[in-house]
Amino acid sequence: MYKEFLIKEVTQAEADAIIQSREPRGLFYQQNGKRWVGIDNMTGDAWCEEFIDLDQCLAWLRRE
């Protein structure tokens, strides 16, 4: 299901705004130092997870 949605890279400021406002809905990621943060806001809950590798982050967002 999630594979068909566009995953968008965002800045730290954009990520903070998504987490606070729960808008826009979608799948996002951003680099935080040497780590990557995935933000799943498909349902408006802004679930976040941190990863050491971009591929792991994208796989989590795609539910792989």
PDB file of N, CA and C in Angstrom:
ATOM      1  N   MET A   1       0.813  -1.198   0.000  1.00  0.00           N
ATOM      2  CA  MET A   1       0.000   0.000   0.000  1.00  0.00           C
ATOM      3  C   MET A   1       0.856   1.261   0.000  1.00  0.00           C
ATOM      4  N   TYR A   2       1.834   1.332   0.891  1.00  0.00           N
ATOM      5  CA  TYR A   2       2.646   2.541   1.026  1.00  0.00           C
ATOM      6  C   TYR A   2       3.634   2.711  -0.120  1.00  0.00           C
ATOM      7  N   LYS A   3       3.910   1.659  -0.877  1.00  0.00           N
ATOM      8  CA  LYS A   3       4.875   1.738  -1.964  1.00  0.00           C
ATOM      9  C   LYS A   3       4.435   2.722  -3.045  1.00  0.00           C
ATOM     10  N   GLU A   4       3.139   2.951  -3.173  1.00  0.00           N
ATOM     11  CA  GLU A   4       2.639   3.804  -4.244  1.00  0.00           C
ATOM     12  C   GLU A   4       2.673   5.295  -3.891  1.00  0.00           C
ATOM     13  N   PHE A   5       2.981   5.641  -2.655  1.00  0.00           N
ATOM     14  CA  PHE A   5       3.010   7.037  -2.238  1.00  0.00           C
ATOM     15  C   PHE A   5       4.408   7.614  -2.391  1.00  0.00           C
ATOM     16  N   LEU A   6       4.481   8.864  -2.771  1.00  0.00           N
ATOM     17  CA  LEU A   6       5.743   9.569  -2.901  1.00  0.00           C
ATOM     18  C   LEU A   6       6.328   9.811  -1.516  1.00  0.00           C
ATOM     19  N   ILE A   7       7.602   9.513  -1.365  1.00  0.00           N
ATOM     20  CA  ILE A   7       8.313   9.788  -0.117  1.00  0.00           C
ATOM     21  C   ILE A   7       9.145  11.032  -0.367  1.00  0.00           C
ATOM     22  N   LYS A   8       8.928  12.050   0.437  1.00  0.00           N
ATOM     23  CA  LYS A   8       9.530  13.358   0.191  1.00  0.00           C
ATOM     24  C   LYS A   8      10.578  13.691   1.252  1.00  0.00           C
ATOM     25  N   GLU A   9      11.734  14.176   0.801  1.00  0.00           N
ATOM     26  CA  GLU A   9      12.750  14.666   1.727  1.00  0.00           C
ATOM     27  C   GLU A   9      12.354  16.063   2.191  1.00  0.00           C
ATOM     28  N   VAL A  10      12.512  16.333   3.484  1.00  0.00           N
ATOM     29  CA  VAL A  10      12.165  17.631   4.050  1.00  0.00           C
ATOM     30  C   VAL A  10      13.329  18.163   4.886  1.00  0.00           C
ATOM     31  N   THR A  11      13.310  19.451   5.144  1.00  0.00           N
ATOM     32  CA  THR A  11      14.307  20.080   6.008  1.00  0.00           C
ATOM     33  C   THR A  11      13.917  19.850   7.468  1.00  0.00           C
ATOM     34  N   GLN A  12      14.818  20.192   8.368  1.00  0.00           N
ATOM     35  CA  GLN A  12      14.531  20.079   9.799  1.00  0.00           C
ATOM     36  C   GLN A  12      13.319  20.937  10.169  1.00  0.00           C
ATOM     37  N   ALA A  13      13.263  22.147   9.640  1.00  0.00           N
ATOM     38  CA  ALA A  13      12.134  23.042   9.935  1.00  0.00           C
ATOM     39  C   ALA A  13      10.822  22.464   9.417  1.00  0.00           C
ATOM     40  N   GLU A  14      10.846  21.900   8.205  1.00  0.00           N
ATOM     41  CA  GLU A  14       9.640  21.291   7.650  1.00  0.00           C
ATOM     42  C   GLU A  14       9.215  20.074   8.470  1.00  0.00           C
ATOM     43  N   ALA A  15      10.193  19.259   8.885  1.00  0.00           N
ATOM     44  CA  ALA A  15       9.894  18.086   9.711  1.00  0.00           C
ATOM     45  C   ALA A  15       9.263  18.507  11.034  1.00  0.00           C
ATOM     46  N   ASP A  16       9.820  19.519  11.665  1.00  0.00           N
ATOM     47  CA  ASP A  16       9.265  20.016  12.927  1.00  0.00           C
ATOM     48  C   ASP A  16       7.820  20.481  12.745  1.00  0.00           C
ATOM     49  N   ALA A  17       7.552  21.183  11.647  1.00  0.00           N
ATOM     50  CA  ALA A  17       6.200  21.682  11.376  1.00  0.00           C
ATOM     51  C   ALA A  17       5.227  20.526  11.130  1.00  0.00           C
ATOM     52  N   ILE A  18       5.668  19.495  10.409  1.00  0.00           N
ATOM     53  CA  ILE A  18       4.816  18.333  10.151  1.00  0.00           C
ATOM     54  C   ILE A  18       4.475  17.635  11.466  1.00  0.00           C
ATOM     55  N   ILE A  19       5.465  17.466  12.313  1.00  0.00           N
ATOM     56  CA  ILE A  19       5.257  16.789  13.593  1.00  0.00           C
ATOM     57  C   ILE A  19       4.318  17.597  14.485  1.00  0.00           C
ATOM     58  N   GLN A  20       4.481  18.907  14.504  1.00  0.00           N
ATOM     59  CA  GLN A  20       3.643  19.752  15.360  1.00  0.00           C
ATOM     60  C   GLN A  20       2.210  19.888  14.843  1.00  0.00           C
ATOM     61  N   SER A  21       2.057  20.102  13.548  1.00  0.00           N
ATOM     62  CA  SER A  21       0.727  20.381  12.993  1.00  0.00           C
ATOM     63  C   SER A  21       0.018  19.147  12.455  1.00  0.00           C
ATOM     64  N   ARG A  22       0.796  18.058  12.252  1.00  0.00           N
ATOM     65  CA  ARG A  22       0.270  16.825  11.652  1.00  0.00           C
ATOM     66  C   ARG A  22      -0.210  17.049  10.214  1.00  0.00           C
ATOM     67  N   GLU A  23       0.313  18.081   9.574  1.00  0.00           N
ATOM     68  CA  GLU A  23       0.006  18.400   8.176  1.00  0.00           C
ATOM     69  C   GLU A  23       1.297  18.783   7.468  1.00  0.00           C
ATOM     70  N   PRO A  24       1.458  18.495   6.218  1.00  0.00           N
ATOM     71  CA  PRO A  24       0.571  17.732   5.348  1.00  0.00           C
ATOM     72  C   PRO A  24       0.686  16.232   5.635  1.00  0.00           C
ATOM     73  N   ARG A  25      -0.271  15.485   5.158  1.00  0.00           N
ATOM     74  CA  ARG A  25      -0.239  14.038   5.291  1.00  0.00           C
ATOM     75  C   ARG A  25       0.726  13.486   4.248  1.00  0.00           C
ATOM     76  N   GLY A  26       1.378  12.389   4.587  1.00  0.00           N
ATOM     77  CA  GLY A  26       2.289  11.757   3.643  1.00  0.00           C
ATOM     78  C   GLY A  26       3.431  11.066   4.345  1.00  0.00           C
ATOM     79  N   LEU A  27       4.445  10.729   3.563  1.00  0.00           N
ATOM     80  CA  LEU A  27       5.649  10.056   4.040  1.00  0.00           C
ATOM     81  C   LEU A  27       6.837  10.968   3.784  1.00  0.00           C
ATOM     82  N   PHE A  28       7.653  11.169   4.815  1.00  0.00           N
ATOM     83  CA  PHE A  28       8.752  12.126   4.743  1.00  0.00           C
ATOM     84  C   PHE A  28      10.001  11.565   5.412  1.00  0.00           C
ATOM     85  N   TYR A  29      11.146  12.133   5.038  1.00  0.00           N
ATOM     86  CA  TYR A  29      12.389  11.804   5.734  1.00  0.00           C
ATOM     87  C   TYR A  29      13.279  13.028   5.740  1.00  0.00           C
ATOM     88  N   GLN A  30      14.183  13.053   6.694  1.00  0.00           N
ATOM     89  CA  GLN A  30      15.157  14.140   6.763  1.00  0.00           C
ATOM     90  C   GLN A  30      16.433  13.637   7.419  1.00  0.00           C
ATOM     91  N   GLN A  31      17.535  14.252   7.041  1.00  0.00           N
ATOM     92  CA  GLN A  31      18.822  13.892   7.620  1.00  0.00           C
ATOM     93  C   GLN A  31      19.042  14.715   8.872  1.00  0.00           C
ATOM     94  N   ASN A  32      19.453  14.043   9.925  1.00  0.00           N
ATOM     95  CA  ASN A  32      19.708  14.679  11.211  1.00  0.00           C
ATOM     96  C   ASN A  32      21.113  14.287  11.630  1.00  0.00           C
ATOM     97  N   GLY A  33      22.093  15.089  11.225  1.00  0.00           N
ATOM     98  CA  GLY A  33      23.490  14.720  11.471  1.00  0.00           C
ATOM     99  C   GLY A  33      23.848  13.519  10.622  1.00  0.00           C
ATOM    100  N   LYS A  34      24.314  12.442  11.279  1.00  0.00           N
ATOM    101  CA  LYS A  34      24.667  11.213  10.569  1.00  0.00           C
ATOM    102  C   LYS A  34      23.505  10.224  10.555  1.00  0.00           C
ATOM    103  N   ARG A  35      22.374  10.624  11.041  1.00  0.00           N
ATOM    104  CA  ARG A  35      21.201   9.744  11.115  1.00  0.00           C
ATOM    105  C   ARG A  35      20.090  10.259  10.207  1.00  0.00           C
ATOM    106  N   TRP A  36      19.152   9.374   9.931  1.00  0.00           N
ATOM    107  CA  TRP A  36      17.999   9.692   9.090  1.00  0.00           C
ATOM    108  C   TRP A  36      16.734   9.498   9.909  1.00  0.00           C
ATOM    109  N   VAL A  37      15.791  10.400   9.767  1.00  0.00           N
ATOM    110  CA  VAL A  37      14.528  10.317  10.488  1.00  0.00           C
ATOM    111  C   VAL A  37      13.401  10.137   9.481  1.00  0.00           C
ATOM    112  N   GLY A  38      12.633   9.070   9.655  1.00  0.00           N
ATOM    113  CA  GLY A  38      11.459   8.832   8.833  1.00  0.00           C
ATOM    114  C   GLY A  38      10.232   9.347   9.564  1.00  0.00           C
ATOM    115  N   ILE A  39       9.336   9.990   8.838  1.00  0.00           N
ATOM    116  CA  ILE A  39       8.097  10.512   9.411  1.00  0.00           C
ATOM    117  C   ILE A  39       6.937   9.955   8.599  1.00  0.00           C
ATOM    118  N   ASP A  40       6.145   9.124   9.238  1.00  0.00           N
ATOM    119  CA  ASP A  40       4.959   8.553   8.595  1.00  0.00           C
ATOM    120  C   ASP A  40       3.751   9.333   9.099  1.00  0.00           C
ATOM    121  N   ASN A  41       3.272  10.245   8.283  1.00  0.00           N
ATOM    122  CA  ASN A  41       2.114  11.055   8.655  1.00  0.00           C
ATOM    123  C   ASN A  41       0.921  10.742   7.743  1.00  0.00           C
ATOM    124  N   MET A  42       0.823   9.510   7.306  1.00  0.00           N
ATOM    125  CA  MET A  42      -0.295   9.105   6.439  1.00  0.00           C
ATOM    126  C   MET A  42      -1.626   9.218   7.164  1.00  0.00           C
ATOM    127  N   THR A  43      -1.647   8.938   8.466  1.00  0.00           N
ATOM    128  CA  THR A  43      -2.891   8.950   9.236  1.00  0.00           C
ATOM    129  C   THR A  43      -3.041  10.200  10.095  1.00  0.00           C
ATOM    130  N   GLY A  44      -2.055  11.103  10.022  1.00  0.00           N
ATOM    131  CA  GLY A  44      -2.095  12.299  10.850  1.00  0.00           C
ATOM    132  C   GLY A  44      -1.530  12.096  12.238  1.00  0.00           C
ATOM    133  N   ASP A  45      -0.827  10.968  12.454  1.00  0.00           N
ATOM    134  CA  ASP A  45      -0.237  10.672  13.759  1.00  0.00           C
ATOM    135  C   ASP A  45       1.249  11.011  13.833  1.00  0.00           C
ATOM    136  N   ALA A  46       1.869  11.323  12.711  1.00  0.00           N
ATOM    137  CA  ALA A  46       3.284  11.716  12.624  1.00  0.00           C
ATOM    138  C   ALA A  46       4.210  10.758  13.374  1.00  0.00           C
ATOM    139  N   TRP A  47       4.122   9.465  13.034  1.00  0.00           N
ATOM    140  CA  TRP A  47       5.030   8.474  13.607  1.00  0.00           C
ATOM    141  C   TRP A  47       6.437   8.752  13.107  1.00  0.00           C
ATOM    142  N   CYS A  48       7.418   8.737  14.022  1.00  0.00           N
ATOM    143  CA  CYS A  48       8.806   9.027  13.672  1.00  0.00           C
ATOM    144  C   CYS A  48       9.711   7.888  14.122  1.00  0.00           C
ATOM    145  N   GLU A  49      10.726   7.636  13.318  1.00  0.00           N
ATOM    146  CA  GLU A  49      11.707   6.605  13.637  1.00  0.00           C
ATOM    147  C   GLU A  49      13.057   7.076  13.114  1.00  0.00           C
ATOM    148  N   GLU A  50      14.111   6.794  13.880  1.00  0.00           N
ATOM    149  CA  GLU A  50      15.461   7.219  13.513  1.00  0.00           C
ATOM    150  C   GLU A  50      16.272   6.022  13.027  1.00  0.00           C
ATOM    151  N   PHE A  51      17.091   6.242  11.987  1.00  0.00           N
ATOM    152  CA  PHE A  51      17.883   5.176  11.374  1.00  0.00           C
ATOM    153  C   PHE A  51      19.306   5.651  11.122  1.00  0.00           C
ATOM    154  N   ILE A  52      20.234   4.692  11.063  1.00  0.00           N
ATOM    155  CA  ILE A  52      21.626   5.029  10.762  1.00  0.00           C
ATOM    156  C   ILE A  52      21.888   4.998   9.258  1.00  0.00           C
ATOM    157  N   ASP A  53      20.925   4.507   8.497  1.00  0.00           N
ATOM    158  CA  ASP A  53      21.105   4.295   7.069  1.00  0.00           C
ATOM    159  C   ASP A  53      19.845   4.760   6.321  1.00  0.00           C
ATOM    160  N   LEU A  54      20.027   5.498   5.245  1.00  0.00           N
ATOM    161  CA  LEU A  54      18.893   5.997   4.457  1.00  0.00           C
ATOM    162  C   LEU A  54      18.057   4.860   3.890  1.00  0.00           C
ATOM    163  N   ASP A  55      18.695   3.801   3.417  1.00  0.00           N
ATOM    164  CA  ASP A  55      17.946   2.680   2.848  1.00  0.00           C
ATOM    165  C   ASP A  55      17.016   2.048   3.874  1.00  0.00           C
ATOM    166  N   GLN A  56      17.471   1.922   5.123  1.00  0.00           N
ATOM    167  CA  GLN A  56      16.629   1.378   6.192  1.00  0.00           C
ATOM    168  C   GLN A  56      15.442   2.304   6.455  1.00  0.00           C
ATOM    169  N   CYS A  57      15.699   3.595   6.437  1.00  0.00           N
ATOM    170  CA  CYS A  57      14.656   4.586   6.660  1.00  0.00           C
ATOM    171  C   CYS A  57      13.580   4.488   5.578  1.00  0.00           C
ATOM    172  N   LEU A  58      14.006   4.431   4.331  1.00  0.00           N
ATOM    173  CA  LEU A  58      13.056   4.357   3.218  1.00  0.00           C
ATOM    174  C   LEU A  58      12.284   3.040   3.239  1.00  0.00           C
ATOM    175  N   ALA A  59      12.960   1.951   3.605  1.00  0.00           N
ATOM    176  CA  ALA A  59      12.281   0.657   3.708  1.00  0.00           C
ATOM    177  C   ALA A  59      11.207   0.707   4.797  1.00  0.00           C
ATOM    178  N   TRP A  60      11.485   1.351   5.914  1.00  0.00           N
ATOM    179  CA  TRP A  60      10.501   1.488   6.993  1.00  0.00           C
ATOM    180  C   TRP A  60       9.290   2.288   6.504  1.00  0.00           C
ATOM    181  N   LEU A  61       9.547   3.367   5.770  1.00  0.00           N
ATOM    182  CA  LEU A  61       8.453   4.182   5.249  1.00  0.00           C
ATOM    183  C   LEU A  61       7.599   3.408   4.249  1.00  0.00           C
ATOM    184  N   ARG A  62       8.233   2.496   3.492  1.00  0.00           N
ATOM    185  CA  ARG A  62       7.511   1.682   2.500  1.00  0.00           C
ATOM    186  C   ARG A  62       6.915   0.417   3.110  1.00  0.00           C
ATOM    187  N   ARG A  63       7.128   0.203   4.415  1.00  0.00           N
ATOM    188  CA  ARG A  63       6.633  -0.986   5.128  1.00  0.00           C
ATOM    189  C   ARG A  63       7.240  -2.279   4.584  1.00  0.00           C
ATOM    190  N   GLU A  64       8.534  -2.215   4.248  1.00  0.00           N
ATOM    191  CA  GLU A  64       9.221  -3.415   3.745  1.00  0.00           C
ATOM    192  C   GLU A  64       9.912  -4.150   4.878  1.00  0.00           C
TER     193      GLU A  64
END
